[in-house]
Protein backbone atom coordinates (compact mmCIF):
# COMPACT_ATOMS: atom_id res chain seq x y z
CA MET A 1 -49.55 13.01 -4.33
CA ARG A 2 -50.09 15.16 -0.74
CA LEU A 3 -53.76 15.45 0.33
CA LEU A 4 -54.61 18.20 3.17
CA PHE A 5 -56.98 17.01 5.22
CA LEU A 6 -59.38 19.44 7.35
CA SER A 7 -61.85 18.55 9.81
CA LEU A 8 -63.04 20.24 13.09
CA TYR A 9 -62.41 17.57 15.20
CA PHE A 10 -60.05 14.71 14.72
CA HIS A 11 -58.23 11.36 16.50
CA PRO A 12 -58.31 11.31 19.68
CA ALA A 13 -61.82 13.24 20.16
CA ARG A 14 -64.03 10.88 21.77
CA HIS A 15 -67.15 12.94 21.79
CA TYR A 16 -68.02 12.94 18.29
CA GLY A 17 -68.66 9.00 17.70
CA GLY A 18 -68.21 7.95 14.18
CA PRO A 19 -67.11 10.52 11.97
CA VAL A 20 -63.65 10.33 14.25
CA ALA A 21 -62.83 7.13 13.77
CA SER A 22 -64.03 6.86 10.54
CA THR A 23 -61.75 10.11 9.21
CA TRP A 24 -58.75 8.72 11.48
CA SER A 25 -58.46 4.90 9.87
CA LEU A 26 -58.90 6.76 6.15
CA SER A 27 -56.38 9.19 6.37
CA ARG A 28 -54.17 6.38 7.81
CA HIS A 29 -55.05 4.58 5.46
CA LEU A 30 -54.32 6.73 2.16
CA ALA A 31 -51.24 7.53 3.74
CA LYS A 32 -50.44 3.76 4.51
CA ALA A 33 -50.99 3.68 -0.03
CA GLY A 34 -48.98 5.88 -0.37
CA ALA A 35 -49.86 9.84 0.06
CA GLN A 36 -48.48 12.41 1.91
CA VAL A 37 -51.12 13.16 4.41
CA ARG A 38 -51.34 16.34 6.58
CA VAL A 39 -54.58 16.89 8.93
CA LEU A 40 -55.65 20.34 9.88
CA THR A 41 -58.00 20.38 13.29
CA THR A 42 -58.54 21.73 16.38
CA ASP A 43 -58.44 20.53 19.57
CA ALA A 44 -62.22 20.12 20.23
CA ASP A 45 -63.35 17.01 22.48
CA GLY A 46 -66.84 18.19 23.51
CA ASP A 47 -66.67 20.36 26.37
CA GLU A 48 -63.11 19.80 26.90
CA ARG A 49 -59.62 20.33 24.83
CA LEU A 50 -57.05 17.47 24.02
CA ALA A 51 -53.94 17.61 25.66
CA VAL A 52 -52.08 17.97 22.63
CA ASP A 53 -49.01 19.68 21.10
CA ARG A 54 -49.28 22.98 18.87
CA GLY A 55 -47.18 21.97 16.01
CA TRP A 56 -47.18 19.22 13.34
CA GLN A 57 -47.04 16.32 14.76
CA GLU A 58 -46.28 12.87 12.73
CA LEU A 59 -49.01 10.08 14.61
CA ALA A 60 -48.10 7.30 11.77
CA PRO A 61 -45.76 7.15 8.97
CA ASN A 62 -46.67 9.92 6.21
CA LEU A 63 -49.22 11.87 8.65
CA GLU A 64 -49.29 14.14 10.25
CA VAL A 65 -51.57 16.61 12.20
CA ARG A 66 -51.77 20.45 14.00
CA TYR A 67 -53.66 20.53 16.47
CA CYS A 68 -55.14 24.27 16.30
CA ARG A 69 -56.62 25.95 19.55
CA ARG A 70 -60.44 26.69 19.40
CA ILE A 71 -62.10 29.21 20.56
CA GLY A 72 -64.40 29.21 23.60
CA ARG A 73 -66.03 25.67 23.63
CA GLY A 74 -67.52 25.99 20.01
CA LEU A 75 -65.37 24.42 16.29
CA ILE A 76 -63.48 27.75 15.48
CA ALA A 77 -60.28 28.50 15.59
CA PRO A 78 -58.53 30.77 13.69
CA ALA A 79 -55.28 29.57 13.50
CA MET A 80 -56.90 26.48 11.66
CA LEU A 81 -57.85 28.67 8.85
CA SER A 82 -54.22 30.50 8.68
CA ALA A 83 -52.48 27.28 7.90
CA ALA A 84 -54.88 26.43 5.46
CA LEU A 85 -54.16 29.24 3.90
CA ARG A 86 -50.57 28.32 4.02
CA GLU A 87 -50.73 24.89 3.27
CA LEU A 88 -53.26 24.84 0.06
CA ALA A 89 -50.17 25.88 -2.32
CA LYS A 90 -48.22 22.72 -1.62
CA ALA A 91 -51.27 20.05 -1.31
CA ASP A 92 -52.15 18.25 -4.50
CA LEU A 93 -55.61 17.84 -3.54
CA ILE A 94 -57.78 19.20 -0.69
CA TYR A 95 -60.37 16.76 1.69
CA LEU A 96 -62.51 19.10 4.05
CA SER A 97 -64.63 16.51 6.35
CA GLY A 98 -68.35 18.07 6.83
CA LEU A 99 -70.28 20.45 5.27
CA PHE A 100 -71.64 23.55 7.27
CA VAL A 101 -67.97 23.98 8.33
CA TRP A 102 -67.44 27.76 9.21
CA LEU A 103 -63.98 28.06 7.15
CA LEU A 104 -65.77 26.16 3.38
CA PRO A 105 -66.86 29.74 2.14
CA LEU A 106 -63.19 30.98 2.52
CA LEU A 107 -61.53 27.83 1.95
CA ALA A 108 -63.54 26.97 -1.41
CA PRO A 109 -62.62 30.14 -3.49
CA ALA A 110 -58.98 29.86 -2.61
CA ALA A 111 -58.73 26.52 -3.88
CA ALA A 112 -60.48 27.78 -7.24
CA LEU A 113 -58.04 30.57 -7.70
CA LEU A 114 -55.03 27.94 -6.63
CA SER A 115 -56.54 25.43 -8.87
CA LYS A 116 -56.69 23.08 -6.34
CA PRO A 117 -59.32 20.04 -6.51
CA LEU A 118 -61.20 20.62 -3.65
CA VAL A 119 -63.02 16.92 -2.35
CA VAL A 120 -66.23 18.16 0.33
CA SER A 121 -67.73 14.73 2.40
CA PRO A 122 -70.54 15.62 3.97
CA ARG A 123 -70.68 12.93 6.44
CA GLY A 124 -74.39 12.93 6.77
CA MET A 125 -75.10 16.75 6.75
CA ALA A 126 -76.97 16.53 3.42
CA LEU A 127 -79.47 14.10 4.44
CA PRO A 128 -83.08 15.91 5.31
CA GLU A 129 -83.29 15.44 8.73
CA ALA A 130 -79.82 16.99 8.85
CA LEU A 131 -80.82 19.77 6.76
CA ALA A 132 -83.87 20.67 8.77
CA SER A 133 -82.58 21.09 11.86
CA LYS A 134 -81.59 24.75 11.62
CA GLY A 135 -82.94 25.23 8.40
CA GLY A 136 -82.50 28.43 7.96
CA LYS A 137 -79.25 28.82 8.82
CA LYS A 138 -78.20 26.08 6.50
CA ARG A 139 -79.95 27.48 3.60
CA ALA A 140 -78.58 30.82 4.45
CA PHE A 141 -74.98 28.86 4.80
CA LEU A 142 -75.32 26.76 1.39
CA ARG A 143 -76.42 30.06 -0.85
CA LEU A 144 -73.46 31.40 0.27
CA ALA A 145 -70.90 28.56 -0.49
CA LYS A 146 -72.04 28.24 -3.54
CA LEU A 147 -71.63 31.73 -3.81
CA THR A 148 -68.10 31.38 -3.08
CA GLY A 149 -67.49 28.37 -5.79
CA LEU A 150 -68.75 25.16 -3.05
CA SER A 151 -70.46 24.13 -6.66
CA ARG A 152 -66.79 23.60 -8.57
CA ALA A 153 -66.46 21.43 -5.51
CA ALA A 154 -66.37 17.45 -6.01
CA PHE A 155 -68.35 15.61 -3.14
CA HIS A 156 -67.29 12.71 -1.05
CA LEU A 157 -70.49 10.43 -0.02
CA THR A 158 -70.57 7.26 2.00
CA SER A 159 -74.15 5.91 2.05
CA GLN A 160 -76.77 6.02 -0.85
CA PRO A 161 -79.18 8.07 0.71
CA GLU A 162 -76.71 10.83 1.14
CA ALA A 163 -75.60 10.30 -2.43
CA ASP A 164 -79.61 10.88 -3.51
CA HIS A 165 -79.76 14.07 -1.47
CA LEU A 166 -76.85 15.36 -2.61
CA GLN A 167 -77.78 15.55 -6.15
CA GLU A 168 -80.62 17.20 -5.53
CA ILE A 169 -78.64 20.41 -4.18
CA PHE A 170 -75.66 19.74 -6.66
CA PRO A 171 -76.43 18.26 -9.45
CA LYS A 172 -73.53 18.71 -11.95
CA ALA A 173 -71.24 18.26 -9.27
CA GLU A 174 -67.87 15.85 -9.47
CA LYS A 175 -69.42 12.82 -6.86
CA VAL A 176 -68.27 9.92 -5.98
CA LEU A 177 -69.79 7.03 -3.86
CA ILE A 178 -67.53 4.94 -1.92
CA PRO A 179 -68.19 3.39 1.84
CA ASN A 180 -66.84 4.50 5.43
CA GLY A 181 -64.05 1.07 5.91
CA VAL A 182 -63.33 -0.95 9.41
CA ASP A 183 -60.50 -1.84 10.98
CA ILE A 184 -61.14 -6.02 10.68
CA PRO A 185 -59.42 -7.76 13.34
CA THR A 186 -56.76 -10.07 11.99
CA THR A 187 -58.65 -14.14 12.75
CA GLU A 188 -55.80 -14.58 15.23
CA THR A 189 -57.11 -11.31 17.07
CA LEU A 190 -60.49 -12.41 17.06
CA ALA A 191 -59.88 -16.17 18.63
CA ALA A 192 -57.94 -14.29 21.09
CA LEU A 193 -60.57 -12.56 22.17
CA LYS A 194 -63.20 -14.71 21.68
CA ALA A 195 -60.68 -17.25 23.75
CA SER A 196 -60.44 -14.22 26.99
CA GLN A 197 -63.66 -14.32 29.40
CA PRO A 198 -66.51 -11.67 29.28
CA ASP A 199 -66.91 -9.74 32.21
CA HIS A 200 -70.15 -9.44 31.97
CA PRO A 201 -73.61 -11.40 31.89
CA PRO A 202 -75.04 -11.88 28.08
CA TYR A 203 -75.41 -8.26 27.07
CA LEU A 204 -76.69 -6.42 24.12
CA LEU A 205 -74.84 -3.22 23.34
CA TYR A 206 -75.19 0.22 22.35
CA LEU A 207 -72.11 1.73 21.19
CA GLY A 208 -72.18 5.90 20.31
CA ARG A 209 -72.68 8.96 21.53
CA LEU A 210 -75.39 9.65 23.96
CA HIS A 211 -77.24 11.92 22.24
CA PRO A 212 -81.27 12.55 21.79
CA HIS A 213 -80.57 11.80 18.03
CA LYS A 214 -79.27 8.88 18.44
CA GLN A 215 -82.12 7.71 20.31
CA PRO A 216 -80.58 5.68 23.08
CA GLU A 217 -83.94 5.73 25.51
CA LEU A 218 -85.65 4.29 22.53
CA ILE A 219 -83.67 1.28 22.52
CA LEU A 220 -83.83 1.31 26.31
CA GLN A 221 -87.79 1.36 25.63
CA ALA A 222 -87.56 -1.56 23.19
CA PHE A 223 -85.36 -3.80 25.76
CA ALA A 224 -88.19 -2.86 28.05
CA THR A 225 -90.93 -4.08 25.83
CA TRP A 226 -89.21 -7.55 25.54
CA ALA A 227 -88.17 -7.78 29.10
CA THR A 228 -91.80 -7.77 30.09
CA ALA A 229 -93.72 -9.94 27.23
CA HIS A 230 -90.45 -12.47 28.17
CA PRO A 231 -89.86 -12.71 31.51
CA GLU A 232 -88.17 -16.42 30.88
CA TYR A 233 -84.81 -14.77 29.16
CA GLN A 234 -83.93 -13.07 32.89
CA THR A 235 -80.05 -13.08 32.17
CA LEU A 236 -79.86 -10.88 29.13
CA HIS A 237 -78.79 -7.93 29.71
CA LEU A 238 -78.74 -4.36 28.07
CA ARG A 239 -75.41 -1.95 28.10
CA LEU A 240 -75.29 1.49 26.76
CA VAL A 241 -71.74 3.01 26.59
CA GLY A 242 -70.75 6.02 24.76
CA PRO A 243 -69.62 9.67 25.69
CA GLY A 244 -72.16 12.23 25.76
CA GLN A 245 -74.68 14.75 28.26
CA GLU A 246 -75.09 14.00 32.05
CA THR A 247 -78.72 14.90 31.58
CA LEU A 248 -79.35 12.51 29.35
CA ARG A 249 -77.77 9.91 31.42
CA HIS A 250 -79.62 10.70 34.69
CA GLN A 251 -83.19 10.44 32.08
CA LEU A 252 -81.70 6.95 30.97
CA GLN A 253 -81.09 5.93 34.39
CA ALA A 254 -84.69 7.26 35.68
CA GLN A 255 -86.35 5.38 32.74
CA ALA A 256 -84.94 2.07 33.62
CA GLN A 257 -85.72 2.70 37.13
CA ALA A 258 -89.07 3.11 36.12
CA ALA A 259 -88.84 -0.01 34.17
CA GLY A 260 -87.80 -2.33 37.26
CA LEU A 261 -84.88 -2.92 34.81
CA GLU A 262 -82.34 -0.82 36.70
CA SER A 263 -79.90 -4.10 37.30
CA ARG A 264 -80.28 -5.19 34.13
CA ILE A 265 -79.52 -1.51 32.06
CA HIS A 266 -75.97 -0.59 32.81
CA ILE A 267 -75.00 3.03 31.33
CA GLU A 268 -71.65 3.34 30.77
CA PRO A 269 -68.59 5.65 29.71
CA ALA A 270 -66.53 5.29 26.41
CA LEU A 271 -64.08 2.58 25.90
CA THR A 272 -61.33 2.57 23.42
CA GLY A 273 -58.63 0.30 22.16
CA GLN A 274 -58.57 -3.27 23.44
CA ALA A 275 -61.47 -2.65 25.98
CA LYS A 276 -63.85 -1.38 23.51
CA ALA A 277 -62.58 -4.74 21.07
CA HIS A 278 -63.99 -6.70 23.95
CA LEU A 279 -66.58 -5.40 23.92
CA LEU A 280 -67.63 -5.67 20.41
CA THR A 281 -66.80 -9.51 20.39
CA HIS A 282 -68.37 -10.70 23.50
CA ALA A 283 -71.64 -8.31 22.97
CA THR A 284 -74.90 -10.81 21.26
CA ALA A 285 -75.62 -8.21 19.25
CA LEU A 286 -75.37 -4.78 18.62
CA LEU A 287 -78.69 -2.46 18.80
CA LEU A 288 -78.76 0.93 16.95
CA ALA A 289 -82.14 3.11 16.31
CA SER A 290 -80.72 6.90 15.35
CA LYS A 291 -83.25 9.17 13.83
CA SER A 292 -81.13 9.17 11.18
CA GLU A 293 -77.57 7.80 9.80
CA ASN A 294 -74.96 8.15 6.60
CA PHE A 295 -73.38 5.09 7.50
CA GLY A 296 -72.77 3.98 11.54
CA MET A 297 -69.60 2.75 12.19
CA SER A 298 -70.07 0.85 15.21
CA VAL A 299 -72.38 -1.53 13.58
CA ALA A 300 -69.65 -2.22 10.90
CA GLU A 301 -67.13 -2.55 13.99
CA ALA A 302 -69.37 -5.21 15.50
CA LEU A 303 -69.76 -7.41 12.39
CA ALA A 304 -66.06 -7.05 11.87
CA HIS A 305 -65.52 -8.29 15.59
CA GLN A 306 -68.40 -11.34 14.12
CA THR A 307 -71.21 -9.68 16.05
CA PRO A 308 -74.73 -9.44 14.38
CA ALA A 309 -76.91 -6.23 14.59
CA ILE A 310 -80.41 -4.69 15.15
CA VAL A 311 -80.04 -1.76 13.41
CA THR A 312 -83.69 0.09 12.37
CA GLN A 313 -84.23 1.31 8.35
CA SER A 314 -83.43 5.41 9.22
CA ALA A 315 -79.71 4.28 9.11
CA PRO A 316 -78.76 1.86 5.46
CA TRP A 317 -77.98 -1.72 6.92
CA GLN A 318 -80.62 -3.38 4.76
CA GLY A 319 -77.79 -5.73 3.57
CA LEU A 320 -77.87 -7.23 7.43
CA GLU A 321 -81.29 -9.19 5.97
CA GLU A 322 -79.63 -9.73 2.56
CA HIS A 323 -76.35 -11.20 4.13
CA ARG A 324 -77.94 -12.76 7.07
CA CYS A 325 -76.09 -10.96 9.52
CA GLY A 326 -78.72 -9.18 11.18
CA TRP A 327 -81.91 -7.49 11.47
CA TRP A 328 -83.25 -4.12 9.57
CA PRO A 329 -86.56 -3.56 11.26
CA GLU A 330 -89.05 -0.21 11.68
CA THR A 331 -87.68 2.25 13.62
CA SER A 332 -89.87 1.95 16.51
CA ALA A 333 -90.00 0.57 20.70
CA GLN A 334 -92.26 -2.64 19.18
CA ALA A 335 -90.62 -3.74 15.97
CA LEU A 336 -87.16 -3.57 18.02
CA ALA A 337 -88.18 -5.69 20.85
CA GLU A 338 -88.98 -8.62 18.20
CA SER A 339 -85.78 -8.47 16.85
CA ILE A 340 -84.83 -8.72 20.40
CA GLN A 341 -86.49 -11.83 20.41
CA GLU A 342 -85.47 -13.12 17.29
CA VAL A 343 -81.83 -12.59 18.70
CA ALA A 344 -82.45 -14.28 22.06
CA LYS A 345 -84.12 -17.36 20.73
CA LEU A 346 -80.66 -18.20 18.59
CA SER A 347 -78.52 -21.01 19.95
CA PRO A 348 -75.17 -20.32 19.68
CA GLU A 349 -74.26 -22.15 16.77
CA GLU A 350 -77.06 -20.22 15.01
CA ARG A 351 -75.29 -16.39 16.32
CA ASP A 352 -72.07 -17.34 15.59
CA GLU A 353 -73.02 -18.35 12.13
CA MET A 354 -74.73 -15.21 11.81
CA GLY A 355 -71.78 -13.22 13.11
CA LYS A 356 -69.36 -15.49 10.94
CA ARG A 357 -71.11 -14.08 7.80
CA GLY A 358 -71.30 -10.55 9.33
CA ARG A 359 -67.44 -10.46 8.97
CA LYS A 360 -67.11 -12.07 5.39
CA TRP A 361 -69.26 -9.11 4.23
CA MET A 362 -67.42 -6.59 6.23
CA GLU A 363 -64.19 -8.11 4.62
CA GLU A 364 -65.61 -8.21 1.14
CA GLU A 365 -66.48 -4.97 0.53
CA PHE A 366 -65.27 -2.50 3.63
CA GLY A 367 -61.85 -3.26 4.05
CA TRP A 368 -60.07 -0.19 4.34
CA GLU A 369 -57.43 -1.15 2.02
CA ALA A 370 -59.36 -1.55 -0.96
CA LEU A 371 -61.55 1.43 0.03
CA ALA A 372 -57.90 3.91 0.30
CA GLY A 373 -56.91 2.24 -3.42
CA ARG A 374 -59.88 3.35 -4.75
CA MET A 375 -59.98 6.86 -3.28
CA LEU A 376 -56.73 7.66 -4.56
CA GLY A 377 -58.07 6.41 -7.97
CA TRP A 378 -60.38 9.23 -8.39
CA PHE A 379 -58.42 11.84 -6.31
CA ALA A 380 -56.31 11.35 -9.02
CA GLN A 381 -58.64 11.55 -11.94
CA LEU A 382 -59.39 15.14 -9.96
């Protein structure tokens, strides 16, 4: 099966967080399962450009990527559209990552004209919170996209809340709910990571974009609330790790200083590869408190590395409590602080057992090989 993937940003871009990791892993595992995958994308990486060649590049067996030059600092790349129209005829199926993508009103009718199945994966853009931002423009875009053939597309959803809301927008469209997967380190790799020496005192971890939507300031506030209420815990630190806005970094540093916790709260740049795996493995717990989340890749990555997680109810991770590998509190500083205390008072053995249950859950339900097989089976039906 020949698949044409379209995404406005792609690996190795760091600026866009979880969607880059999930589309990179999905395309690799579809290629590993036997599909011929071609990815068209831009050279965008936030305000920067990726230092990449312009032609087709083989990043993995059966996986080729072409990075098109964007205009200015936006996500529009004219070469991406012209290349997509050329590639349509060769592909068996087109997969678009994102919903409010500038080339969709042209792509949908072209795919229909050539009788090529078009799969759109909104990646959280169909959630009410996302639709409310710039709502007038988004409603106008959806009306235009529907007029040009979007109603004939199929939709890949990665969470139940997203599936429920998309049902209201496109009630008759073909849909499938297949969650994002996670790359699970082998038992040997994880053992080696655990045996390595931590490079930091015990820490809670936020891993992701430093962006207002992710509410790192709420996590910092919750940590300060907890630290003030429990002065007996002096060794536990908070690390906020990821790319993002410099203004927000300065605001977070000022917030830490105002709380008198600048020595225990650390705002750090993004990490990748072995350094990121080491960071995840040695964390006491992962924290996530976004305004809304369609998935939350860092949560799955933490659990795969045998680290418990605290995730607010604005993200679809109620399974943390069902599988006894974390907490799912309300989205408030006080509720987060109470969950932090639950983590802090665990013995190392209890925390390790939680981590093992989380890893087992990831292996059973979020392994990429099984999910890629399901995806290819659905593609074949389409």
